[in-house]
Protein backbone atom coordinates (compact mmCIF):
# COMPACT_ATOMS: atom_id res chain seq x y z
CA MET A 1 -65.75 -11.85 15.32
CA ARG A 2 -63.85 -9.55 13.57
CA GLN A 3 -60.58 -8.98 14.98
CA PRO A 4 -59.16 -5.25 15.57
CA SER A 5 -56.44 -4.32 13.51
CA SER A 6 -52.75 -3.77 14.83
CA ALA A 7 -53.51 0.21 14.20
CA SER A 8 -56.61 0.53 16.00
CA LEU A 9 -54.95 -0.99 19.05
CA GLY A 10 -52.27 1.79 18.49
CA PHE A 11 -49.14 -0.15 17.29
CA VAL A 12 -46.74 0.96 14.73
CA PRO A 13 -47.32 -0.76 11.45
CA GLU A 14 -45.10 -4.01 11.72
CA PRO A 15 -42.83 -2.83 8.72
CA LEU A 16 -42.51 0.51 10.02
CA ALA A 17 -41.97 -0.92 13.81
CA GLN A 18 -38.69 -2.88 12.41
CA LEU A 19 -37.09 -0.17 11.36
CA PRO A 20 -34.34 1.41 13.85
CA TRP A 21 -36.03 4.42 14.80
CA LYS A 22 -33.50 5.70 17.50
CA ILE A 23 -30.35 5.53 14.64
CA LEU A 24 -32.95 6.99 12.26
CA LEU A 25 -33.68 9.84 14.23
CA LEU A 26 -30.03 10.38 14.85
CA VAL A 27 -29.31 10.46 11.16
CA MET A 28 -31.94 13.05 10.74
CA ALA A 29 -30.52 14.85 13.38
CA ILE A 30 -27.04 15.19 11.56
CA GLY A 31 -28.71 15.66 8.34
CA CYS A 32 -30.90 18.63 10.01
CA PHE A 33 -27.86 20.09 11.36
CA ASP A 34 -25.96 20.13 8.01
CA LEU A 35 -28.67 22.67 6.87
CA LEU A 36 -27.69 24.81 9.16
CA VAL A 37 -23.85 24.30 8.70
CA LEU A 38 -24.36 24.96 5.11
CA TYR A 39 -26.87 27.93 5.39
CA SER A 40 -23.90 29.72 7.72
CA ALA A 41 -21.32 28.52 4.99
CA ALA A 42 -23.52 30.51 2.39
CA GLY A 43 -23.52 33.62 4.56
CA GLY A 44 -27.00 33.10 5.61
CA HIS A 45 -28.38 32.13 2.56
CA ILE A 46 -30.43 29.18 1.79
CA ARG A 47 -29.27 28.65 -1.39
CA PRO A 48 -26.88 27.81 -3.23
CA TRP A 49 -26.17 24.84 -0.78
CA ALA A 50 -28.96 24.36 1.78
CA LEU A 51 -32.27 23.65 -0.13
CA PRO A 52 -30.61 21.30 -2.63
CA GLN A 53 -28.77 19.30 0.15
CA GLY A 54 -32.01 19.10 2.53
CA ILE A 55 -34.50 17.69 -0.89
CA ARG A 56 -31.60 15.35 -1.50
CA PHE A 57 -31.08 14.15 2.05
CA PHE A 58 -35.00 13.60 2.43
CA VAL A 59 -35.68 11.68 -0.93
CA LEU A 60 -32.37 9.69 0.08
CA LEU A 61 -33.33 8.78 3.42
CA ALA A 62 -36.64 7.74 2.26
CA ALA A 63 -34.99 5.71 -0.20
CA ALA A 64 -32.92 4.01 2.46
CA MET A 65 -36.09 3.23 4.19
CA ALA A 66 -37.26 1.56 1.20
CA LEU A 67 -34.14 -0.27 0.80
CA SER A 68 -34.81 -1.70 4.01
CA ARG A 69 -37.41 -4.13 2.90
CA VAL A 70 -34.68 -5.36 0.39
CA ARG A 71 -33.29 -9.24 1.68
CA PRO A 72 -29.80 -9.70 2.58
CA GLU A 73 -29.92 -12.62 -0.33
CA VAL A 74 -30.87 -10.14 -3.11
CA TRP A 75 -27.82 -7.93 -2.16
CA GLY A 76 -26.00 -10.96 -2.47
CA MET A 77 -27.39 -11.63 -5.84
CA ILE A 78 -26.78 -8.10 -7.26
CA SER A 79 -23.26 -6.96 -5.83
CA LEU A 80 -20.95 -8.58 -8.74
CA PRO A 81 -23.50 -7.19 -11.65
CA ALA A 82 -23.86 -3.87 -9.76
CA TYR A 83 -19.94 -3.62 -9.67
CA THR A 84 -19.21 -4.63 -13.00
CA VAL A 85 -21.96 -1.77 -13.89
CA ILE A 86 -20.07 0.64 -12.09
CA ILE A 87 -16.67 -0.52 -13.44
CA LEU A 88 -18.18 0.39 -16.47
CA MET A 89 -18.99 3.86 -15.30
CA LEU A 90 -15.71 4.30 -14.23
CA VAL A 91 -14.52 3.72 -17.68
CA GLY A 92 -17.02 6.21 -18.94
CA VAL A 93 -15.48 8.88 -16.72
CA GLU A 94 -12.39 8.59 -18.47
CA ILE A 95 -13.87 9.00 -22.02
CA LEU A 96 -17.15 11.30 -21.36
CA GLY A 97 -16.43 12.33 -17.68
CA LYS A 98 -17.19 16.00 -16.67
CA VAL A 99 -13.84 17.72 -15.36
CA ALA A 100 -14.44 20.18 -12.55
CA GLY A 101 -12.30 20.99 -9.63
CA GLY A 102 -8.92 20.00 -11.18
CA GLY A 103 -10.42 16.25 -11.62
CA GLN A 104 -12.37 14.22 -14.30
CA ARG A 105 -14.45 12.26 -11.84
CA TRP A 106 -18.51 12.99 -12.87
CA LEU A 107 -20.70 11.50 -15.06
CA GLU A 108 -23.67 14.27 -16.57
CA LEU A 109 -26.87 12.02 -16.55
CA GLY A 110 -29.48 14.46 -17.71
CA VAL A 111 -30.73 16.11 -14.32
CA ILE A 112 -28.06 14.49 -12.22
CA ARG A 113 -24.37 14.44 -11.78
CA LEU A 114 -23.17 11.26 -10.54
CA GLN A 115 -19.63 10.58 -9.28
CA PRO A 116 -19.50 6.45 -9.78
CA SER A 117 -16.44 6.74 -7.90
CA GLU A 118 -18.61 7.34 -4.33
CA LEU A 119 -20.81 4.18 -5.45
CA MET A 120 -17.65 1.78 -5.81
CA LYS A 121 -17.41 2.54 -1.97
CA PRO A 122 -20.41 0.31 -0.47
CA PHE A 123 -20.44 -2.08 -3.40
CA ILE A 124 -16.70 -2.98 -3.41
CA VAL A 125 -17.83 -4.28 0.44
CA LEU A 126 -20.70 -6.02 -1.61
CA ALA A 127 -18.27 -7.96 -4.07
CA CYS A 128 -16.09 -8.82 -1.94
CA ALA A 129 -18.03 -9.98 0.38
CA ARG A 130 -20.16 -11.87 -2.45
CA PHE A 131 -16.82 -13.42 -2.99
CA TYR A 132 -15.60 -14.80 0.12
CA ASP A 133 -19.45 -16.00 0.68
CA LEU A 134 -19.47 -18.01 -2.48
CA LEU A 135 -15.90 -19.31 -1.56
CA PRO A 136 -15.69 -22.26 0.92
CA PRO A 137 -14.32 -21.68 4.15
CA SER A 138 -11.66 -24.58 3.43
CA GLU A 139 -10.38 -22.70 0.74
CA THR A 140 -9.97 -19.20 2.79
CA ARG A 141 -6.43 -19.86 3.78
CA LYS A 142 -5.04 -20.58 0.28
CA PHE A 143 -3.47 -18.31 -2.46
CA GLY A 144 -6.93 -18.75 -4.47
CA ALA A 145 -8.58 -16.59 -2.01
CA ILE A 146 -6.45 -13.74 -2.25
CA TRP A 147 -5.48 -13.06 -5.72
CA PRO A 148 -9.04 -12.45 -7.04
CA ALA A 149 -9.92 -10.16 -3.77
CA LEU A 150 -7.12 -8.09 -4.72
CA LEU A 151 -8.17 -7.85 -8.57
CA LEU A 152 -11.78 -6.95 -7.42
CA ILE A 153 -10.17 -4.00 -5.12
CA GLY A 154 -7.42 -3.12 -7.42
CA LEU A 155 -9.09 -2.68 -10.58
CA PRO A 156 -11.63 0.11 -9.61
CA ALA A 157 -9.06 1.78 -7.59
CA GLY A 158 -6.40 2.13 -10.34
CA LEU A 159 -9.42 3.66 -12.35
CA VAL A 160 -10.17 6.28 -9.80
CA MET A 161 -6.35 7.04 -9.32
CA LEU A 162 -6.59 8.04 -12.99
CA GLN A 163 -9.44 10.86 -12.36
CA PRO A 164 -7.16 11.79 -10.14
CA ASP A 165 -8.97 11.06 -6.49
CA LEU A 166 -6.47 9.51 -4.10
CA GLY A 167 -8.87 9.69 -1.24
CA THR A 168 -11.74 8.00 -2.99
CA ALA A 169 -8.90 5.34 -3.98
CA LEU A 170 -7.53 4.58 -0.33
CA MET A 171 -11.57 4.36 0.92
CA ILE A 172 -11.86 1.65 -1.67
CA THR A 173 -8.57 -0.10 -0.89
CA ALA A 174 -9.51 -0.26 2.63
CA GLY A 175 -13.02 -1.32 2.36
CA GLY A 176 -12.09 -4.25 0.37
CA ILE A 177 -8.77 -5.17 2.43
CA THR A 178 -11.44 -4.99 5.72
CA VAL A 179 -13.64 -7.72 4.10
CA MET A 180 -10.63 -9.56 3.17
CA PHE A 181 -9.01 -9.42 6.82
CA LEU A 182 -12.49 -10.22 8.19
CA ALA A 183 -12.95 -13.10 5.89
CA GLY A 184 -10.06 -14.99 7.39
CA ILE A 185 -7.05 -14.10 5.56
CA PRO A 186 -4.01 -14.91 7.32
CA LEU A 187 -2.69 -11.94 9.14
CA ARG A 188 0.65 -13.09 8.14
CA LEU A 189 0.00 -12.38 4.50
CA PHE A 190 -1.44 -8.88 5.40
CA ILE A 191 2.36 -8.18 6.95
CA GLY A 192 3.89 -9.82 4.06
CA GLY A 193 1.95 -7.64 1.80
CA ALA A 194 2.38 -4.34 3.67
CA LEU A 195 6.24 -4.84 3.77
CA ALA A 196 6.25 -5.89 -0.08
CA GLY A 197 3.69 -2.70 -0.27
CA ILE A 198 6.67 -0.26 0.90
CA PRO A 199 8.61 -0.38 -2.30
CA ALA A 200 5.44 0.22 -4.51
CA ALA A 201 4.14 2.57 -2.25
CA LEU A 202 7.58 4.61 -3.19
CA VAL A 203 7.23 4.05 -6.36
CA GLY A 204 3.85 4.86 -6.74
CA PHE A 205 4.88 8.19 -4.21
CA ASN A 206 7.29 9.49 -7.13
CA PHE A 207 5.90 8.13 -10.37
CA VAL A 208 1.91 7.94 -9.99
CA LEU A 209 1.12 10.59 -7.75
CA HIS A 210 0.44 14.45 -9.48
CA ASP A 211 2.80 16.94 -7.99
CA TYR A 212 0.00 18.78 -5.88
CA GLN A 213 -0.67 15.03 -4.40
CA ARG A 214 2.94 14.69 -3.13
CA ASN A 215 3.19 18.18 -1.69
CA ARG A 216 0.04 17.59 0.26
CA ILE A 217 1.57 14.67 1.83
CA LEU A 218 4.83 16.21 2.25
CA ILE A 219 3.40 19.35 3.70
CA PHE A 220 0.91 17.93 6.51
CA LEU A 221 3.22 17.43 8.98
CA ASN A 222 4.41 21.00 8.91
CA PRO A 223 1.57 23.26 6.83
CA GLU A 224 3.32 26.53 8.42
CA SER A 225 6.16 26.16 6.35
CA ASP A 226 3.81 27.55 3.39
CA PRO A 227 0.96 28.70 4.68
CA LEU A 228 -0.08 30.58 1.52
CA GLY A 229 0.84 27.25 -0.88
CA THR A 230 -0.05 24.24 -0.03
CA GLY A 231 -0.64 24.56 3.43
CA TYR A 232 -2.87 26.90 3.10
CA HIS A 233 -6.14 24.66 3.48
CA ILE A 234 -4.75 23.39 6.36
CA THR A 235 -3.65 26.65 8.18
CA GLN A 236 -6.86 28.20 7.80
CA SER A 237 -8.69 25.21 9.07
CA LYS A 238 -7.08 25.25 11.86
CA ILE A 239 -7.40 28.85 12.68
CA ALA A 240 -11.37 28.46 12.38
CA ILE A 241 -11.30 25.37 14.65
CA GLY A 242 -8.97 27.00 17.33
CA SER A 243 -11.19 30.23 17.00
CA GLY A 244 -14.11 28.47 17.85
CA GLY A 245 -12.96 27.19 21.43
CA ILE A 246 -15.29 25.33 23.93
CA TRP A 247 -18.56 26.86 22.78
CA GLY A 248 -18.08 28.36 19.05
CA LYS A 249 -18.59 32.07 18.22
CA GLY A 250 -22.41 31.56 17.63
CA PHE A 251 -24.44 30.33 14.72
CA LEU A 252 -23.83 32.69 11.60
CA ASN A 253 -20.92 34.82 13.69
CA GLY A 254 -17.99 32.21 11.74
CA THR A 255 -15.32 34.93 10.42
CA GLN A 256 -13.01 32.42 8.52
CA SER A 257 -15.77 31.03 6.43
CA HIS A 258 -17.83 34.13 5.74
CA LEU A 259 -14.53 35.79 4.72
CA ASP A 260 -13.72 33.58 2.35
CA TYR A 261 -10.52 32.71 4.31
CA LEU A 262 -11.94 28.81 4.51
CA PRO A 263 -11.29 27.11 1.10
CA GLU A 264 -14.08 24.72 0.61
CA GLY A 265 -15.92 25.45 3.58
CA GLN A 266 -19.05 23.82 2.56
CA THR A 267 -17.56 20.35 1.10
CA ASP A 268 -14.15 19.02 2.70
CA PHE A 269 -13.70 21.31 5.08
CA ALA A 270 -17.45 21.61 6.14
CA LEU A 271 -16.39 20.52 9.79
CA ALA A 272 -14.04 23.80 10.53
CA THR A 273 -17.06 25.60 9.31
CA MET A 274 -18.85 23.93 11.94
CA MET A 275 -16.66 24.03 14.92
CA GLU A 276 -15.82 28.01 14.58
CA GLU A 277 -19.51 28.40 15.01
CA TRP A 278 -20.54 25.64 17.53
CA GLY A 279 -17.15 24.79 18.89
CA LEU A 280 -15.67 21.63 20.55
CA VAL A 281 -18.84 20.84 22.14
CA GLY A 282 -20.20 20.60 19.01
CA GLY A 283 -17.68 18.56 17.07
CA VAL A 284 -17.72 16.22 20.14
CA LEU A 285 -21.41 16.02 19.94
CA LEU A 286 -21.12 15.16 16.16
CA ILE A 287 -18.51 12.27 16.71
CA ILE A 288 -20.29 10.91 19.24
CA ALA A 289 -23.56 10.51 17.12
CA TRP A 290 -21.20 8.90 14.14
CA PHE A 291 -19.64 6.70 17.00
CA ALA A 292 -23.43 5.51 18.34
CA ILE A 293 -24.47 4.80 14.25
CA ILE A 294 -21.14 2.83 13.50
CA TRP A 295 -21.33 1.02 16.90
CA TRP A 296 -25.06 -0.21 15.73
CA ALA A 297 -23.66 -1.25 12.33
CA ILE A 298 -20.86 -3.27 14.10
CA ASN A 299 -23.96 -4.74 16.31
CA ILE A 300 -25.39 -5.92 13.39
CA ALA A 301 -22.33 -7.42 11.82
CA LEU A 302 -22.06 -9.58 15.26
CA ARG A 303 -25.91 -10.81 15.04
CA ALA A 304 -25.90 -11.44 11.36
CA GLU A 305 -26.38 -15.21 10.50
CA GLY A 306 -24.69 -15.76 7.02
CA ARG A 307 -21.30 -15.05 6.16
CA PHE A 308 -22.25 -12.58 3.21
CA ALA A 309 -24.40 -10.32 6.08
CA ARG A 310 -21.60 -10.76 8.78
CA LEU A 311 -18.85 -9.30 6.03
CA THR A 312 -21.31 -6.87 4.53
CA ALA A 313 -21.97 -5.31 7.59
CA ALA A 314 -18.64 -5.24 9.37
CA GLY A 315 -17.26 -3.86 5.75
CA LEU A 316 -19.86 -1.14 5.51
CA ALA A 317 -19.29 -0.19 9.36
CA THR A 318 -15.60 0.07 8.47
CA THR A 319 -16.30 2.19 5.36
CA LEU A 320 -18.57 4.99 7.66
CA PHE A 321 -15.87 4.96 10.18
CA PHE A 322 -13.27 5.69 7.31
CA TYR A 323 -15.27 8.54 5.69
CA VAL A 324 -15.31 10.02 9.42
CA SER A 325 -11.93 9.06 10.63
CA ILE A 326 -10.16 10.37 7.38
CA ASN A 327 -12.19 13.67 6.90
CA MET A 328 -11.57 14.84 10.60
CA ALA A 329 -8.23 13.76 10.61
CA MET A 330 -7.50 15.82 7.56
CA VAL A 331 -9.46 18.91 8.54
CA MET A 332 -7.72 18.80 11.70
CA GLY A 333 -4.08 18.54 10.17
CA LEU A 334 -3.43 14.78 11.24
CA ALA A 335 -3.50 13.50 8.18
CA PRO A 336 -2.94 14.74 4.50
CA VAL A 337 -5.67 16.32 2.50
CA VAL A 338 -6.97 13.77 0.22
CA GLY A 339 -10.56 15.19 -0.26
CA VAL A 340 -12.77 12.78 1.71
CA PRO A 341 -16.13 14.45 2.93
CA LEU A 342 -17.63 14.65 5.70
CA PRO A 343 -20.59 12.28 5.97
CA LEU A 344 -24.02 14.04 5.86
CA ILE A 345 -21.93 17.30 6.98
CA SER A 346 -20.36 18.29 3.78
CA ASN A 347 -22.31 19.37 0.50
CA GLY A 348 -22.42 16.84 -2.09
CA GLY A 349 -25.23 14.45 -3.54
CA SER A 350 -22.89 11.76 -4.30
CA SER A 351 -21.15 11.42 -0.76
CA GLN A 352 -25.10 11.92 0.54
CA LEU A 353 -26.13 8.67 -1.69
CA THR A 354 -23.34 6.46 -0.85
CA VAL A 355 -23.88 6.95 2.87
CA LEU A 356 -27.21 6.60 2.88
CA LEU A 357 -27.32 3.51 0.45
CA CYS A 358 -24.77 2.33 3.35
CA LEU A 359 -27.59 3.06 5.79
CA GLY A 360 -30.29 1.39 3.87
CA ILE A 361 -28.34 -2.16 3.22
CA LEU A 362 -27.63 -2.01 6.86
CA MET A 363 -31.14 -1.39 7.81
CA SER A 364 -31.99 -4.28 5.37
CA LEU A 365 -29.42 -6.76 7.25
CA ASP A 366 -30.70 -5.33 10.54
CA ARG A 367 -34.45 -6.24 9.87
CA ALA A 368 -33.33 -9.68 8.50
CA ASN A 369 -31.40 -10.18 12.11
CA ARG A 370 -34.92 -9.30 13.80
CA ARG A 371 -36.73 -12.01 11.94
CA GLN A 372 -33.96 -14.20 12.44
CA SER A 373 -34.36 -13.73 16.57
CA ARG A 374 -38.03 -13.93 16.13
CA TRP A 375 -37.81 -17.28 14.74
């Protein structure tokens, strides 16, 4: 006798059932809320930001859902080749890159403009996780487990610093170092490295950073000392956030962004644009949403079977955490302005691609965990 299909019984087909729908609905809620923020930032116009951002979001979200079908071992196989390709793209940026906003960070690829440094954020995690997955556990506490990983991290970070893009270089470094720590590199080596890095940081601050980057670091503790110069971004951002109060001024009622007092209100300072209109309540709800997504990613790492999957999931969770925390600290004046966008809120295709790529890989690892638990 013919057996009834799962669809006829009212069940969702298995590939769709394995998707983390609660997380996907949360991501979609953030993405759609972003369109309201960008619509308001443009003064109530769907262009130039909301419409392209919305199209990119739903296309990339569908791609992330498709990536969830990729097995973890495939990510392991392509991690180092993909890392190499992105390194070549970063070199290409130095030779042929598009200059915009004071930096040379983009490659013009026909219909799209790509920022390769954004792609390096997840792939530095994959590359370092793959390196430690191939390394015998007994070798983890030896010097041979350190210098190759530092080379993997230092090469792209150095190329990104040449663009110049301090924020992205710091995130690449943080993602790679996190994987090193989770792989079992002794804590004393991190402490020793941090102490040894102090003189290097001082040299870099005085001789590597550009003047505007140094000024941003010096000014963030007291932006009011130069409110019309280096401290202008932070000062106006604080005014916008503070004027929103608990409940905000209401949708389309923001003044700092609509009167062009708030620079980059659609990109790096999109959080200030949002909190002026939606208030502290809107900001707290956004933090809770991202906390739930990051907690889901951490749980994937805790349940993962293989070393590569564990390190990748934990590293991507950390990458998302740095994305959110650095931008929010920057916009609130708790950290220097380093040009890190707020995931799925700030306008920008490359950052959107990076975040949804991270989510796609995490869904792939989550699917593998579910498959293991059934066995």
